[in-house]
Amino acid sequence: MCASEIETVELASYHLKEVTYSWFELLEDSREEGSSPARWSEFADAFIDHFFPAETKAACAAKFENLRQGSLSVWDYHMRFAYLSKYAIYMLPIIEARVRRFVQGLSPFVINEAATAALNSDMNYGKIVAFAPATETHKLRNRMEREVNNKARSTGKFGGSSSGG
């Protein structure tokens, strides 16, 4: 987040502070007498339903449907995937669908190895999220080593013989 976004969030939260506290009290008062306090997930769902416009939810779902890694690191892609996926739960009814959708959005640089790993019957979302960055790092390291070796060869500083054989 840039500084202006942070300031916007702080200002919005300041203005919502009284409103949300009043709303929270109403939520608690509406619960049955003697029931346990609302769990965080219940509170978060109710809060989003009340304060988050349907149009914004639909826009976030559309962003998720179109999400691709692109120039993001695998970790940044995962973070965006995790954030936006809650708006498109209908796309991820089972863990295999979540893994498949995550892999589909990966860059071509990583997707082949990740798709092969996703076929593994015990591959879950956590494992694929751990696997993909490791694959990306490995491939980037190999690419850099090749570039260094090619540059060394082209400048004649490679440690091998230059006689062609």
C-alpha atoms as a PDB file:
ATOM      1  CA  MET A   1       0.000   0.000   0.000  1.00  0.00           C
ATOM      2  CA  CYS A   2       1.237   3.470  -0.776  1.00  0.00           C
ATOM      3  CA  ALA A   3       1.074   6.321   1.735  1.00  0.00           C
ATOM      4  CA  SER A   4      -2.113   7.854   0.296  1.00  0.00           C
ATOM      5  CA  GLU A   5      -3.896   4.471   0.423  1.00  0.00           C
ATOM      6  CA  ILE A   6      -2.889   4.039   4.060  1.00  0.00           C
ATOM      7  CA  GLU A   7      -4.137   7.535   4.878  1.00  0.00           C
ATOM      8  CA  THR A   8      -7.424   6.764   3.105  1.00  0.00           C
ATOM      9  CA  VAL A   9      -7.860   3.556   5.082  1.00  0.00           C
ATOM     10  CA  GLU A  10      -7.053   5.331   8.346  1.00  0.00           C
ATOM     11  CA  LEU A  11      -9.530   8.108   7.585  1.00  0.00           C
ATOM     12  CA  ALA A  12     -12.251   5.646   6.608  1.00  0.00           C
ATOM     13  CA  SER A  13     -11.680   3.559   9.720  1.00  0.00           C
ATOM     14  CA  TYR A  14     -11.819   6.693  11.884  1.00  0.00           C
ATOM     15  CA  HIS A  15     -15.173   7.692  10.363  1.00  0.00           C
ATOM     16  CA  LEU A  16     -16.528   4.153  10.677  1.00  0.00           C
ATOM     17  CA  LYS A  17     -15.362   3.653  14.256  1.00  0.00           C
ATOM     18  CA  GLU A  18     -18.570   4.864  15.948  1.00  0.00           C
ATOM     19  CA  VAL A  19     -20.827   3.375  13.288  1.00  0.00           C
ATOM     20  CA  THR A  20     -19.212  -0.054  13.468  1.00  0.00           C
ATOM     21  CA  TYR A  21     -19.208  -0.104  17.244  1.00  0.00           C
ATOM     22  CA  SER A  22     -22.935   0.712  17.283  1.00  0.00           C
ATOM     23  CA  TRP A  23     -23.539  -1.929  14.627  1.00  0.00           C
ATOM     24  CA  PHE A  24     -21.502  -4.471  16.637  1.00  0.00           C
ATOM     25  CA  GLU A  25     -23.619  -3.779  19.722  1.00  0.00           C
ATOM     26  CA  LEU A  26     -26.773  -4.382  17.668  1.00  0.00           C
ATOM     27  CA  LEU A  27     -25.294  -7.611  16.335  1.00  0.00           C
ATOM     28  CA  GLU A  28     -24.501  -8.834  19.851  1.00  0.00           C
ATOM     29  CA  ASP A  29     -27.943  -7.767  21.134  1.00  0.00           C
ATOM     30  CA  SER A  30     -29.622  -9.700  18.326  1.00  0.00           C
ATOM     31  CA  ARG A  31     -28.008 -12.976  19.410  1.00  0.00           C
ATOM     32  CA  GLU A  32     -29.995 -15.355  21.587  1.00  0.00           C
ATOM     33  CA  GLU A  33     -29.788 -14.892  25.332  1.00  0.00           C
ATOM     34  CA  GLY A  34     -26.984 -17.004  26.823  1.00  0.00           C
ATOM     35  CA  SER A  35     -25.363 -17.809  23.465  1.00  0.00           C
ATOM     36  CA  SER A  36     -21.602 -17.665  23.198  1.00  0.00           C
ATOM     37  CA  PRO A  37     -20.011 -14.544  21.684  1.00  0.00           C
ATOM     38  CA  ALA A  38     -19.810 -14.417  17.900  1.00  0.00           C
ATOM     39  CA  ARG A  39     -16.797 -16.168  16.423  1.00  0.00           C
ATOM     40  CA  TRP A  40     -14.483 -14.041  14.340  1.00  0.00           C
ATOM     41  CA  SER A  41     -15.625 -15.643  11.080  1.00  0.00           C
ATOM     42  CA  GLU A  42     -19.281 -14.930  11.927  1.00  0.00           C
ATOM     43  CA  PHE A  43     -18.447 -11.339  12.803  1.00  0.00           C
ATOM     44  CA  ALA A  44     -16.355 -10.831   9.662  1.00  0.00           C
ATOM     45  CA  ASP A  45     -19.062 -12.289   7.408  1.00  0.00           C
ATOM     46  CA  ALA A  46     -21.769 -10.154   9.007  1.00  0.00           C
ATOM     47  CA  PHE A  47     -19.549  -7.058   8.829  1.00  0.00           C
ATOM     48  CA  ILE A  48     -18.762  -7.548   5.149  1.00  0.00           C
ATOM     49  CA  ASP A  49     -22.421  -8.230   4.358  1.00  0.00           C
ATOM     50  CA  HIS A  50     -23.430  -5.026   6.114  1.00  0.00           C
ATOM     51  CA  PHE A  51     -20.671  -2.587   5.111  1.00  0.00           C
ATOM     52  CA  PHE A  52     -19.311  -3.939   1.834  1.00  0.00           C
ATOM     53  CA  PRO A  53     -21.479  -3.066  -1.193  1.00  0.00           C
ATOM     54  CA  ALA A  54     -22.572  -5.929  -3.438  1.00  0.00           C
ATOM     55  CA  GLU A  55     -21.014  -4.171  -6.430  1.00  0.00           C
ATOM     56  CA  THR A  56     -17.621  -4.168  -4.716  1.00  0.00           C
ATOM     57  CA  LYS A  57     -17.957  -7.868  -3.857  1.00  0.00           C
ATOM     58  CA  ALA A  58     -18.828  -8.605  -7.494  1.00  0.00           C
ATOM     59  CA  ALA A  59     -15.823  -6.581  -8.669  1.00  0.00           C
ATOM     60  CA  CYS A  60     -13.536  -8.534  -6.315  1.00  0.00           C
ATOM     61  CA  ALA A  61     -14.998 -11.831  -7.595  1.00  0.00           C
ATOM     62  CA  ALA A  62     -14.316 -10.702 -11.173  1.00  0.00           C
ATOM     63  CA  LYS A  63     -10.734  -9.778 -10.212  1.00  0.00           C
ATOM     64  CA  PHE A  64     -10.310 -13.256  -8.764  1.00  0.00           C
ATOM     65  CA  GLU A  65     -11.715 -14.915 -11.888  1.00  0.00           C
ATOM     66  CA  ASN A  66      -9.188 -12.994 -14.017  1.00  0.00           C
ATOM     67  CA  LEU A  67      -6.262 -13.223 -11.599  1.00  0.00           C
ATOM     68  CA  ARG A  68      -2.954 -14.289 -13.128  1.00  0.00           C
ATOM     69  CA  GLN A  69       0.547 -14.207 -11.682  1.00  0.00           C
ATOM     70  CA  GLY A  70       1.943 -12.066 -14.481  1.00  0.00           C
ATOM     71  CA  SER A  71       4.953 -10.139 -13.167  1.00  0.00           C
ATOM     72  CA  LEU A  72       4.117 -10.846  -9.500  1.00  0.00           C
ATOM     73  CA  SER A  73       6.281 -13.195  -7.487  1.00  0.00           C
ATOM     74  CA  VAL A  74       4.569 -16.468  -6.624  1.00  0.00           C
ATOM     75  CA  TRP A  75       4.249 -15.272  -3.031  1.00  0.00           C
ATOM     76  CA  ASP A  76       2.579 -11.994  -4.043  1.00  0.00           C
ATOM     77  CA  TYR A  77       0.297 -13.921  -6.407  1.00  0.00           C
ATOM     78  CA  HIS A  78      -0.602 -16.282  -3.547  1.00  0.00           C
ATOM     79  CA  MET A  79      -1.386 -13.358  -1.230  1.00  0.00           C
ATOM     80  CA  ARG A  80      -3.667 -11.754  -3.827  1.00  0.00           C
ATOM     81  CA  PHE A  81      -5.210 -15.160  -4.601  1.00  0.00           C
ATOM     82  CA  ALA A  82      -5.946 -15.781  -0.905  1.00  0.00           C
ATOM     83  CA  TYR A  83      -7.444 -12.314  -0.436  1.00  0.00           C
ATOM     84  CA  LEU A  84      -9.675 -12.377  -3.530  1.00  0.00           C
ATOM     85  CA  SER A  85     -10.708 -16.036  -3.295  1.00  0.00           C
ATOM     86  CA  LYS A  86     -13.119 -15.298  -0.452  1.00  0.00           C
ATOM     87  CA  TYR A  87     -15.246 -13.364  -2.953  1.00  0.00           C
ATOM     88  CA  ALA A  88     -15.462 -16.306  -5.361  1.00  0.00           C
ATOM     89  CA  ILE A  89     -16.024 -19.263  -3.066  1.00  0.00           C
ATOM     90  CA  TYR A  90     -18.452 -20.688  -5.631  1.00  0.00           C
ATOM     91  CA  MET A  91     -15.425 -21.352  -7.867  1.00  0.00           C
ATOM     92  CA  LEU A  92     -13.626 -23.368  -5.190  1.00  0.00           C
ATOM     93  CA  PRO A  93     -16.078 -25.951  -3.816  1.00  0.00           C
ATOM     94  CA  ILE A  94     -13.322 -28.448  -2.969  1.00  0.00           C
ATOM     95  CA  ILE A  95      -9.592 -28.216  -2.253  1.00  0.00           C
ATOM     96  CA  GLU A  96      -8.701 -29.732  -5.620  1.00  0.00           C
ATOM     97  CA  ALA A  97     -10.529 -26.858  -7.332  1.00  0.00           C
ATOM     98  CA  ARG A  98      -8.561 -24.354  -5.242  1.00  0.00           C
ATOM     99  CA  VAL A  99      -5.241 -26.012  -6.192  1.00  0.00           C
ATOM    100  CA  ARG A 100      -6.265 -26.256  -9.866  1.00  0.00           C
ATOM    101  CA  ARG A 101      -7.320 -22.578  -9.996  1.00  0.00           C
ATOM    102  CA  PHE A 102      -4.092 -21.463  -8.267  1.00  0.00           C
ATOM    103  CA  VAL A 103      -1.971 -23.414 -10.748  1.00  0.00           C
ATOM    104  CA  GLN A 104      -3.957 -22.098 -13.739  1.00  0.00           C
ATOM    105  CA  GLY A 105      -3.026 -18.532 -12.796  1.00  0.00           C
ATOM    106  CA  LEU A 106       0.704 -19.172 -12.462  1.00  0.00           C
ATOM    107  CA  SER A 107       3.113 -17.749 -15.019  1.00  0.00           C
ATOM    108  CA  PRO A 108       4.301 -19.997 -17.849  1.00  0.00           C
ATOM    109  CA  PHE A 109       7.691 -19.909 -16.124  1.00  0.00           C
ATOM    110  CA  VAL A 110       6.391 -22.080 -13.247  1.00  0.00           C
ATOM    111  CA  ILE A 111       3.134 -23.610 -14.449  1.00  0.00           C
ATOM    112  CA  ASN A 112       4.411 -26.883 -15.985  1.00  0.00           C
ATOM    113  CA  GLU A 113       6.135 -28.116 -12.841  1.00  0.00           C
ATOM    114  CA  ALA A 114       3.294 -26.893 -10.620  1.00  0.00           C
ATOM    115  CA  ALA A 115       0.650 -28.536 -12.821  1.00  0.00           C
ATOM    116  CA  THR A 116       2.546 -31.821 -12.665  1.00  0.00           C
ATOM    117  CA  ALA A 117       2.865 -31.535  -8.878  1.00  0.00           C
ATOM    118  CA  ALA A 118      -0.850 -30.693  -8.571  1.00  0.00           C
ATOM    119  CA  LEU A 119      -1.676 -34.068 -10.118  1.00  0.00           C
ATOM    120  CA  ASN A 120      -0.208 -35.694  -7.008  1.00  0.00           C
ATOM    121  CA  SER A 121      -3.122 -37.079  -5.000  1.00  0.00           C
ATOM    122  CA  ASP A 122      -1.912 -35.671  -1.674  1.00  0.00           C
ATOM    123  CA  MET A 123      -1.212 -32.169  -3.011  1.00  0.00           C
ATOM    124  CA  ASN A 124      -3.171 -29.555  -1.114  1.00  0.00           C
ATOM    125  CA  TYR A 125      -3.233 -25.781  -1.371  1.00  0.00           C
ATOM    126  CA  GLY A 126      -0.557 -25.271   1.286  1.00  0.00           C
ATOM    127  CA  LYS A 127       1.799 -27.692  -0.418  1.00  0.00           C
ATOM    128  CA  ILE A 128       1.343 -26.151  -3.862  1.00  0.00           C
ATOM    129  CA  VAL A 129       1.925 -22.674  -2.424  1.00  0.00           C
ATOM    130  CA  ALA A 130       5.182 -23.933  -0.923  1.00  0.00           C
ATOM    131  CA  PHE A 131       6.144 -25.824  -4.082  1.00  0.00           C
ATOM    132  CA  ALA A 132       5.586 -23.034  -6.614  1.00  0.00           C
ATOM    133  CA  PRO A 133       7.929 -20.391  -5.083  1.00  0.00           C
ATOM    134  CA  ALA A 134      10.653 -23.002  -4.627  1.00  0.00           C
ATOM    135  CA  THR A 135      10.281 -23.928  -8.297  1.00  0.00           C
ATOM    136  CA  GLU A 136      10.321 -20.264  -9.297  1.00  0.00           C
ATOM    137  CA  THR A 137      13.482 -19.621  -7.246  1.00  0.00           C
ATOM    138  CA  HIS A 138      15.184 -22.707  -8.694  1.00  0.00           C
ATOM    139  CA  LYS A 139      14.337 -21.717 -12.266  1.00  0.00           C
ATOM    140  CA  LEU A 140      15.439 -18.116 -11.725  1.00  0.00           C
ATOM    141  CA  ARG A 141      18.753 -19.306 -10.263  1.00  0.00           C
ATOM    142  CA  ASN A 142      19.292 -21.634 -13.240  1.00  0.00           C
ATOM    143  CA  ARG A 143      18.454 -18.825 -15.667  1.00  0.00           C
ATOM    144  CA  MET A 144      20.934 -16.460 -13.980  1.00  0.00           C
ATOM    145  CA  GLU A 145      23.659 -19.126 -13.986  1.00  0.00           C
ATOM    146  CA  ARG A 146      23.105 -19.743 -17.707  1.00  0.00           C
ATOM    147  CA  GLU A 147      23.269 -16.017 -18.407  1.00  0.00           C
ATOM    148  CA  VAL A 148      26.513 -15.666 -16.415  1.00  0.00           C
ATOM    149  CA  ASN A 149      28.019 -18.678 -18.212  1.00  0.00           C
ATOM    150  CA  ASN A 150      26.926 -17.352 -21.617  1.00  0.00           C
ATOM    151  CA  LYS A 151      28.352 -13.917 -20.836  1.00  0.00           C
ATOM    152  CA  ALA A 152      31.614 -15.503 -19.650  1.00  0.00           C
ATOM    153  CA  ARG A 153      31.832 -17.580 -22.834  1.00  0.00           C
ATOM    154  CA  SER A 154      31.129 -14.592 -25.050  1.00  0.00           C
ATOM    155  CA  THR A 155      33.860 -12.521 -23.383  1.00  0.00           C
ATOM    156  CA  GLY A 156      36.370 -15.375 -23.550  1.00  0.00           C
ATOM    157  CA  LYS A 157      36.732 -15.632 -19.789  1.00  0.00           C
ATOM    158  CA  PHE A 158      35.176 -19.046 -19.464  1.00  0.00           C
ATOM    159  CA  GLY A 159      37.471 -21.543 -17.723  1.00  0.00           C
ATOM    160  CA  GLY A 160      37.262 -24.113 -20.512  1.00  0.00           C
ATOM    161  CA  SER A 161      39.145 -24.568 -23.741  1.00  0.00           C
ATOM    162  CA  SER A 162      38.173 -22.297 -26.626  1.00  0.00           C
ATOM    163  CA  SER A 163      39.482 -24.645 -29.308  1.00  0.00           C
ATOM    164  CA  GLY A 164      35.952 -25.757 -30.203  1.00  0.00           C
ATOM    165  CA  GLY A 165      36.372 -29.352 -29.152  1.00  0.00           C
END
